[in-house]
């Protein structure tokens, strides 16, 4: 159950977001895993990303990051990750 939604807080959230993204990529794209350096540069060094405005984290009651989204403006590029154990798939 998701209990908190808030913006990405920079360096303080980097490890938790990295773990989430790697868990998602390992399932979705196992041959194309980003490195921690890739994530750091995209999340912390991008001049076009305003974390307060363009990112959100969803956390559970224990403070674990369960989902993450970021959008780059003016490029209209959206990235959204949901932890594999929290995904809900349609009925067959």
Protein backbone atom coordinates (compact mmCIF):
# COMPACT_ATOMS: atom_id res chain seq x y z
CA UNK A 1 0.00 0.00 0.00
CA UNK A 2 1.39 3.37 -1.05
CA UNK A 3 1.25 5.96 1.71
CA UNK A 4 3.44 8.87 0.58
CA UNK A 5 3.94 10.74 -2.70
CA UNK A 6 6.64 13.39 -2.85
CA UNK A 7 9.32 14.89 -5.12
CA UNK A 8 12.74 13.29 -5.55
CA UNK A 9 15.07 14.79 -2.90
CA UNK A 10 18.36 14.47 -4.75
CA UNK A 11 21.31 12.67 -3.24
CA UNK A 12 19.25 11.54 -0.22
CA UNK A 13 16.97 9.45 -2.48
CA UNK A 14 19.50 8.32 -5.07
CA UNK A 15 20.27 4.89 -3.60
CA UNK A 16 16.59 3.98 -3.09
CA UNK A 17 15.61 5.12 -6.58
CA UNK A 18 18.60 3.30 -8.08
CA UNK A 19 17.53 0.06 -6.38
CA UNK A 20 13.98 0.47 -7.70
CA UNK A 21 15.14 1.18 -11.24
CA UNK A 22 17.54 -1.76 -11.24
CA UNK A 23 14.79 -4.12 -9.97
CA UNK A 24 12.51 -2.94 -12.78
CA UNK A 25 15.20 -3.10 -15.45
CA UNK A 26 16.30 -6.59 -14.34
CA UNK A 27 12.79 -7.84 -15.08
CA UNK A 28 11.90 -5.68 -18.08
CA UNK A 29 15.25 -5.25 -19.87
CA UNK A 30 17.84 -7.52 -18.27
CA UNK A 31 20.45 -6.88 -20.97
CA UNK A 32 20.17 -3.10 -20.73
CA UNK A 33 20.75 -2.27 -17.07
CA UNK A 34 21.73 1.33 -16.29
CA UNK A 35 24.73 1.93 -14.11
CA UNK A 36 24.61 3.96 -10.91
CA UNK A 37 26.70 6.59 -12.72
CA UNK A 38 24.10 6.78 -15.52
CA UNK A 39 21.31 7.30 -13.01
CA UNK A 40 23.30 9.85 -11.04
CA UNK A 41 23.96 11.94 -14.14
CA UNK A 42 20.35 11.76 -15.31
CA UNK A 43 18.79 12.49 -11.93
CA UNK A 44 21.25 14.90 -10.37
CA UNK A 45 23.14 16.60 -13.20
CA UNK A 46 20.52 17.24 -15.85
CA UNK A 47 19.99 21.00 -16.23
CA UNK A 48 16.55 20.40 -17.76
CA UNK A 49 15.23 18.42 -14.76
CA UNK A 50 13.63 20.30 -11.88
CA UNK A 51 13.15 17.59 -9.20
CA UNK A 52 10.60 19.58 -7.21
CA UNK A 53 8.42 20.05 -10.25
CA UNK A 54 9.22 17.10 -12.52
CA UNK A 55 9.68 14.05 -10.27
CA UNK A 56 7.63 11.99 -7.83
CA UNK A 57 8.36 9.06 -5.53
CA UNK A 58 5.72 6.74 -4.12
CA UNK A 59 6.71 5.15 -0.82
CA UNK A 60 5.11 2.49 1.36
CA UNK A 61 4.56 2.79 5.13
CA UNK A 62 8.10 1.52 5.78
CA UNK A 63 9.59 4.28 3.60
CA UNK A 64 10.57 1.98 0.72
CA UNK A 65 10.32 3.51 -2.74
CA UNK A 66 7.70 1.54 -4.70
CA UNK A 67 7.39 3.77 -7.77
CA UNK A 68 9.16 6.69 -9.39
CA UNK A 69 8.28 9.06 -12.22
CA UNK A 70 10.07 11.95 -13.89
CA UNK A 71 9.25 14.13 -16.83
CA UNK A 72 11.64 16.29 -18.81
CA UNK A 73 10.22 19.53 -20.11
CA UNK A 74 10.25 20.92 -22.74
CA UNK A 75 11.05 17.54 -24.31
CA UNK A 76 7.79 15.94 -23.11
CA UNK A 77 9.67 12.80 -22.07
CA UNK A 78 8.14 10.75 -19.24
CA UNK A 79 9.80 7.87 -17.38
CA UNK A 80 7.77 5.84 -14.88
CA UNK A 81 8.85 2.78 -12.89
CA UNK A 82 6.74 0.58 -10.60
CA UNK A 83 8.42 -2.07 -8.47
CA UNK A 84 7.77 -5.52 -10.00
CA UNK A 85 6.08 -6.81 -6.84
CA UNK A 86 3.58 -3.91 -6.93
CA UNK A 87 2.53 -4.22 -10.55
CA UNK A 88 -1.05 -5.14 -11.33
CA UNK A 89 -1.63 -6.85 -14.64
CA UNK A 90 -4.91 -7.12 -16.50
CA UNK A 91 -7.01 -10.22 -16.37
CA UNK A 92 -6.61 -12.68 -19.22
